[in-house]
Amino acid sequence: MEEQRTGWKPTCREVHRLVSEGLDRDLSLVERTRVRLHLWVCVACTRFSGQMDLLRRAMRQGPPP
């Protein structure tokens, strides 16, 4: 995972933070774009994002009856 910030390309740490924040609020267009660009090139963050998506869906379903 990359840890140096280089302009428009966010670090893995920043992507993890934004993906997590996306559970609680809508990300801005710029934030979503930066995350998507990073996910194109980073397998680890793509996996993390997928795991957060599963968590998001599970939270929406709520507890089983």
N, C-alpha and C. Protein backbone atom coordinates (compact mmCIF):
# COMPACT_ATOMS: atom_id res chain seq x y z
N MET A 1 0.83 -1.18 0.00
CA MET A 1 0.00 0.00 0.00
C MET A 1 0.88 1.24 0.00
N GLU A 2 0.52 2.18 -0.83
CA GLU A 2 1.28 3.42 -0.94
C GLU A 2 0.95 4.34 0.23
N GLU A 3 1.93 5.02 0.75
CA GLU A 3 1.69 5.92 1.87
C GLU A 3 2.10 7.37 1.57
N GLN A 4 2.67 7.64 0.40
CA GLN A 4 3.05 9.01 0.07
C GLN A 4 1.94 9.67 -0.72
N ARG A 5 1.62 10.89 -0.36
CA ARG A 5 0.57 11.63 -1.05
C ARG A 5 1.18 12.31 -2.28
N THR A 6 0.52 12.14 -3.43
CA THR A 6 1.02 12.74 -4.66
C THR A 6 -0.13 13.40 -5.41
N GLY A 7 -0.43 14.66 -5.09
CA GLY A 7 -1.44 15.41 -5.82
C GLY A 7 -2.83 14.79 -5.74
N TRP A 8 -3.40 14.53 -6.92
CA TRP A 8 -4.76 14.01 -6.99
C TRP A 8 -4.85 12.58 -6.51
N LYS A 9 -3.76 11.86 -6.50
CA LYS A 9 -3.79 10.45 -6.13
C LYS A 9 -3.72 10.32 -4.61
N PRO A 10 -4.82 9.86 -3.98
CA PRO A 10 -4.81 9.74 -2.53
C PRO A 10 -4.01 8.53 -2.06
N THR A 11 -3.60 8.56 -0.82
CA THR A 11 -2.90 7.40 -0.24
C THR A 11 -3.92 6.34 0.14
N CYS A 12 -3.44 5.14 0.38
CA CYS A 12 -4.31 4.05 0.85
C CYS A 12 -4.97 4.46 2.16
N ARG A 13 -4.24 5.08 3.02
CA ARG A 13 -4.80 5.51 4.32
C ARG A 13 -5.97 6.48 4.10
N GLU A 14 -5.79 7.43 3.18
CA GLU A 14 -6.87 8.39 2.91
C GLU A 14 -8.08 7.69 2.29
N VAL A 15 -7.84 6.74 1.40
CA VAL A 15 -8.94 6.00 0.79
C VAL A 15 -9.70 5.20 1.85
N HIS A 16 -8.98 4.55 2.75
CA HIS A 16 -9.64 3.80 3.83
C HIS A 16 -10.50 4.74 4.67
N ARG A 17 -9.98 5.91 4.98
CA ARG A 17 -10.74 6.89 5.77
C ARG A 17 -12.00 7.32 5.03
N LEU A 18 -11.85 7.63 3.74
CA LEU A 18 -13.00 8.09 2.96
C LEU A 18 -14.05 7.00 2.79
N VAL A 19 -13.60 5.78 2.54
CA VAL A 19 -14.55 4.67 2.39
C VAL A 19 -15.31 4.47 3.71
N SER A 20 -14.61 4.54 4.82
CA SER A 20 -15.26 4.39 6.13
C SER A 20 -16.23 5.55 6.38
N GLU A 21 -15.81 6.77 6.07
CA GLU A 21 -16.69 7.92 6.25
C GLU A 21 -17.93 7.81 5.37
N GLY A 22 -17.77 7.18 4.23
CA GLY A 22 -18.89 7.00 3.32
C GLY A 22 -20.01 6.16 3.91
N LEU A 23 -19.74 5.43 4.98
CA LEU A 23 -20.79 4.69 5.69
C LEU A 23 -21.72 5.64 6.43
N ASP A 24 -21.19 6.80 6.84
CA ASP A 24 -21.95 7.73 7.68
C ASP A 24 -22.45 8.97 6.95
N ARG A 25 -21.85 9.27 5.81
CA ARG A 25 -22.25 10.49 5.08
C ARG A 25 -22.01 10.28 3.60
N ASP A 26 -22.65 11.12 2.79
CA ASP A 26 -22.41 11.10 1.36
C ASP A 26 -21.08 11.80 1.09
N LEU A 27 -20.22 11.14 0.32
CA LEU A 27 -18.95 11.76 -0.06
C LEU A 27 -19.21 12.77 -1.17
N SER A 28 -18.36 13.79 -1.23
CA SER A 28 -18.48 14.78 -2.29
C SER A 28 -18.06 14.16 -3.62
N LEU A 29 -18.37 14.84 -4.70
CA LEU A 29 -17.99 14.36 -6.02
C LEU A 29 -16.47 14.21 -6.12
N VAL A 30 -15.73 15.16 -5.60
CA VAL A 30 -14.27 15.09 -5.64
C VAL A 30 -13.77 13.90 -4.83
N GLU A 31 -14.33 13.70 -3.64
CA GLU A 31 -13.91 12.56 -2.82
C GLU A 31 -14.21 11.23 -3.52
N ARG A 32 -15.42 11.10 -4.07
CA ARG A 32 -15.78 9.86 -4.77
C ARG A 32 -14.86 9.62 -5.96
N THR A 33 -14.54 10.67 -6.70
CA THR A 33 -13.67 10.54 -7.87
C THR A 33 -12.28 10.10 -7.46
N ARG A 34 -11.74 10.70 -6.42
CA ARG A 34 -10.40 10.33 -5.95
C ARG A 34 -10.36 8.88 -5.49
N VAL A 35 -11.41 8.45 -4.78
CA VAL A 35 -11.46 7.05 -4.33
C VAL A 35 -11.52 6.12 -5.54
N ARG A 36 -12.39 6.41 -6.49
CA ARG A 36 -12.52 5.54 -7.67
C ARG A 36 -11.22 5.45 -8.46
N LEU A 37 -10.54 6.57 -8.63
CA LEU A 37 -9.27 6.55 -9.35
C LEU A 37 -8.26 5.66 -8.63
N HIS A 38 -8.21 5.77 -7.32
CA HIS A 38 -7.28 4.96 -6.54
C HIS A 38 -7.63 3.47 -6.63
N LEU A 39 -8.93 3.17 -6.58
CA LEU A 39 -9.36 1.77 -6.61
C LEU A 39 -9.00 1.09 -7.93
N TRP A 40 -8.87 1.86 -9.01
CA TRP A 40 -8.47 1.29 -10.29
C TRP A 40 -7.09 0.66 -10.23
N VAL A 41 -6.23 1.20 -9.36
CA VAL A 41 -4.84 0.74 -9.35
C VAL A 41 -4.42 0.01 -8.07
N CYS A 42 -5.30 -0.05 -7.08
CA CYS A 42 -4.89 -0.63 -5.79
C CYS A 42 -5.81 -1.79 -5.41
N VAL A 43 -5.29 -2.99 -5.49
CA VAL A 43 -6.06 -4.20 -5.17
C VAL A 43 -6.44 -4.22 -3.69
N ALA A 44 -5.53 -3.84 -2.82
CA ALA A 44 -5.80 -3.89 -1.37
C ALA A 44 -6.97 -2.97 -1.01
N CYS A 45 -6.98 -1.78 -1.55
CA CYS A 45 -8.07 -0.84 -1.25
C CYS A 45 -9.37 -1.28 -1.90
N THR A 46 -9.29 -1.91 -3.06
CA THR A 46 -10.48 -2.44 -3.71
C THR A 46 -11.12 -3.51 -2.82
N ARG A 47 -10.30 -4.37 -2.25
CA ARG A 47 -10.80 -5.39 -1.32
C ARG A 47 -11.43 -4.75 -0.08
N PHE A 48 -10.74 -3.77 0.47
CA PHE A 48 -11.26 -3.07 1.65
C PHE A 48 -12.60 -2.42 1.34
N SER A 49 -12.70 -1.77 0.20
CA SER A 49 -13.94 -1.12 -0.21
C SER A 49 -15.06 -2.15 -0.35
N GLY A 50 -14.75 -3.30 -0.90
CA GLY A 50 -15.74 -4.37 -1.02
C GLY A 50 -16.22 -4.86 0.33
N GLN A 51 -15.31 -4.97 1.28
CA GLN A 51 -15.68 -5.40 2.63
C GLN A 51 -16.58 -4.36 3.29
N MET A 52 -16.28 -3.08 3.09
CA MET A 52 -17.11 -2.03 3.66
C MET A 52 -18.49 -2.02 3.01
N ASP A 53 -18.56 -2.34 1.72
CA ASP A 53 -19.84 -2.42 1.03
C ASP A 53 -20.70 -3.54 1.62
N LEU A 54 -20.07 -4.69 1.90
CA LEU A 54 -20.80 -5.79 2.55
C LEU A 54 -21.31 -5.36 3.93
N LEU A 55 -20.49 -4.65 4.68
CA LEU A 55 -20.89 -4.16 5.99
C LEU A 55 -22.06 -3.20 5.87
N ARG A 56 -22.00 -2.29 4.89
CA ARG A 56 -23.06 -1.31 4.67
C ARG A 56 -24.39 -2.04 4.39
N ARG A 57 -24.35 -3.04 3.52
CA ARG A 57 -25.57 -3.78 3.19
C ARG A 57 -26.10 -4.54 4.40
N ALA A 58 -25.22 -5.11 5.19
CA ALA A 58 -25.65 -5.84 6.39
C ALA A 58 -26.30 -4.89 7.40
N MET A 59 -25.77 -3.69 7.54
CA MET A 59 -26.34 -2.72 8.47
C MET A 59 -27.73 -2.28 8.01
N ARG A 60 -27.94 -2.16 6.71
CA ARG A 60 -29.25 -1.75 6.20
C ARG A 60 -30.31 -2.82 6.44
N GLN A 61 -29.90 -4.09 6.39
CA GLN A 61 -30.85 -5.18 6.59
C GLN A 61 -31.28 -5.28 8.05
N GLY A 62 -30.43 -4.88 8.95
CA GLY A 62 -30.75 -4.95 10.37
C GLY A 62 -30.61 -6.36 10.91
N PRO A 63 -30.91 -6.51 12.20
CA PRO A 63 -30.76 -7.83 12.83
C PRO A 63 -31.82 -8.81 12.32
N PRO A 64 -31.49 -10.08 12.31
CA PRO A 64 -32.49 -11.07 11.89
C PRO A 64 -33.62 -11.14 12.91
N PRO A 65 -34.83 -11.48 12.45
CA PRO A 65 -35.99 -11.53 13.38
C PRO A 65 -35.86 -12.62 14.42
